[in-house]
Amino acid sequence: MESHSLTDLAAEHLGMARQAKNGRSADTLYGGSGHSLRQVLMALCAGQELAEHDSPGEATLLVVTGQVRLTVHAETSTPNNWEGTAGDLVAIPPARHGLVALTDAVVLLSVVKA
C-alpha cells in the first residue's frame, strides 16, 4: 500500500513551481493507464493558470494550500466562479472550465475517466 503526505508534496512542488519558467509543477499520485481514477497534485504560482479546457470526466478539486479560482463556462455565456482556500473541495461541473492561482497554491485534482 502506497501513501503520500500531501503537506510534504505540496511544499516540494511549490518549490519546484517557483523555480520553473512556467510557474507550475505537477505529478500524478495515482492512476494512469489501466485505471479509471486519476489523482494529480498541481502547484501553481500566484497568477498562473490552466487555460479553459473541456472536462475529461467526473472530477473534484481539493485545495491543499493557497487560494484558487475555478471558472466554469456552462450553457450560458456568463461564467460561474468558485473561489477556494486550503481545505475546500468542489465537484467540477461537466463543462469547459479554467483554473487560476490567486496566491501560490497547490490543488489535488481527482478525475474518473468515462
Protein backbone atom coordinates (compact mmCIF):
# COMPACT_ATOMS: atom_id res chain seq x y z
CA MET A 1 0.00 0.00 0.00
CA GLU A 2 1.45 3.35 -1.04
CA SER A 3 0.72 6.54 0.89
CA HIS A 4 1.69 10.18 0.44
CA SER A 5 1.96 13.22 2.68
CA LEU A 6 0.08 15.94 0.80
CA THR A 7 1.67 18.51 3.11
CA ASP A 8 5.20 17.42 2.18
CA LEU A 9 4.41 17.00 -1.52
CA ALA A 10 2.70 20.42 -1.64
CA ALA A 11 5.79 22.12 -0.20
CA GLU A 12 8.07 20.22 -2.58
CA HIS A 13 6.01 21.05 -5.67
CA LEU A 14 5.56 24.70 -4.71
CA GLY A 15 9.34 24.92 -4.51
CA MET A 16 9.64 23.38 -7.97
CA ALA A 17 6.92 25.66 -9.38
CA ARG A 18 8.73 28.72 -8.06
CA GLN A 19 11.87 27.60 -9.91
CA ALA A 20 10.06 26.64 -13.14
CA LYS A 21 9.76 29.08 -16.03
CA ASN A 22 6.04 28.39 -16.36
CA GLY A 23 5.41 28.70 -12.61
CA ARG A 24 3.90 25.21 -12.36
CA SER A 25 4.69 21.72 -11.16
CA ALA A 26 2.52 18.61 -11.27
CA ASP A 27 2.69 14.91 -10.52
CA THR A 28 0.23 12.06 -10.91
CA LEU A 29 -0.09 10.50 -7.46
CA TYR A 30 -2.44 7.72 -8.52
CA GLY A 31 -3.79 6.39 -11.78
CA GLY A 32 -2.69 6.27 -15.36
CA SER A 33 -3.29 3.62 -17.98
CA GLY A 34 -5.41 0.77 -16.72
CA HIS A 35 -7.09 2.91 -14.04
CA SER A 36 -10.38 4.79 -14.12
CA LEU A 37 -9.35 7.13 -11.30
CA ARG A 38 -6.51 9.61 -11.70
CA GLN A 39 -5.27 11.95 -8.96
CA VAL A 40 -2.90 14.77 -9.88
CA LEU A 41 -1.20 17.15 -7.49
CA MET A 42 -0.62 20.55 -9.12
CA ALA A 43 1.31 23.53 -7.77
CA LEU A 44 0.76 26.94 -9.36
CA CYS A 45 2.50 30.20 -8.52
CA ALA A 46 0.24 33.21 -7.97
CA GLY A 47 -1.24 34.41 -11.26
CA GLN A 48 -0.54 31.18 -13.14
CA GLU A 49 -3.48 29.42 -14.73
CA LEU A 50 -4.71 26.36 -16.50
CA ALA A 51 -6.41 27.71 -19.61
CA GLU A 52 -10.04 26.88 -20.26
CA HIS A 53 -10.46 23.24 -21.28
CA ASP A 54 -13.13 20.54 -21.56
CA SER A 55 -13.95 18.34 -18.60
CA PRO A 56 -12.37 14.88 -19.01
CA GLY A 57 -14.96 13.16 -16.78
CA GLU A 58 -16.27 13.31 -13.23
CA ALA A 59 -13.83 15.39 -11.23
CA THR A 60 -13.25 17.08 -7.89
CA LEU A 61 -10.74 19.71 -6.87
CA LEU A 62 -9.29 19.87 -3.35
CA VAL A 63 -7.32 22.97 -2.40
CA VAL A 64 -4.33 21.80 -0.38
CA THR A 65 -2.72 25.23 0.13
CA GLY A 66 -3.32 28.76 -1.10
CA GLN A 67 -6.31 30.22 -2.93
CA VAL A 68 -7.64 29.43 -6.41
CA ARG A 69 -10.50 30.45 -8.67
CA LEU A 70 -12.30 27.89 -10.82
CA THR A 71 -14.23 29.44 -13.71
CA VAL A 72 -16.89 27.24 -15.30
CA HIS A 73 -18.46 28.14 -18.62
CA ALA A 74 -21.83 26.43 -18.58
CA GLU A 75 -24.51 26.72 -21.27
CA THR A 76 -24.91 30.42 -20.52
CA SER A 77 -22.40 32.98 -21.74
CA THR A 78 -21.81 34.12 -18.16
CA PRO A 79 -19.09 32.14 -16.37
CA ASN A 80 -19.64 30.83 -12.85
CA ASN A 81 -16.75 31.38 -10.48
CA TRP A 82 -15.83 29.41 -7.38
CA GLU A 83 -13.04 30.50 -5.08
CA GLY A 84 -11.50 28.07 -2.68
CA THR A 85 -8.83 28.09 0.01
CA ALA A 86 -6.93 25.35 1.84
CA GLY A 87 -9.26 22.53 2.81
CA ASP A 88 -12.05 23.42 0.34
CA LEU A 89 -13.36 20.76 -2.02
CA VAL A 90 -15.57 21.28 -5.08
CA ALA A 91 -17.08 18.97 -7.68
CA ILE A 92 -16.13 20.29 -11.12
CA PRO A 93 -19.20 20.51 -13.38
CA PRO A 94 -19.01 18.68 -16.72
CA ALA A 95 -18.42 21.89 -18.70
CA ARG A 96 -15.49 23.92 -20.04
CA HIS A 97 -13.51 25.37 -17.17
CA GLY A 98 -10.25 27.01 -16.22
CA LEU A 99 -8.26 27.48 -13.03
CA VAL A 100 -6.17 30.40 -11.79
CA ALA A 101 -4.00 30.62 -8.68
CA LEU A 102 -4.89 33.76 -6.73
CA THR A 103 -1.94 33.06 -4.41
CA ASP A 104 0.76 30.40 -4.61
CA ALA A 105 -1.42 27.29 -4.44
CA VAL A 106 -1.46 23.52 -4.55
CA VAL A 107 -4.53 21.52 -5.57
CA LEU A 108 -5.37 17.84 -5.84
CA LEU A 109 -7.41 17.04 -8.93
CA SER A 110 -9.28 13.72 -8.89
CA VAL A 111 -10.79 12.56 -12.18
CA VAL A 112 -12.75 9.45 -13.09
CA LYS A 113 -12.49 8.88 -16.82
CA ALA A 114 -15.71 7.81 -18.51
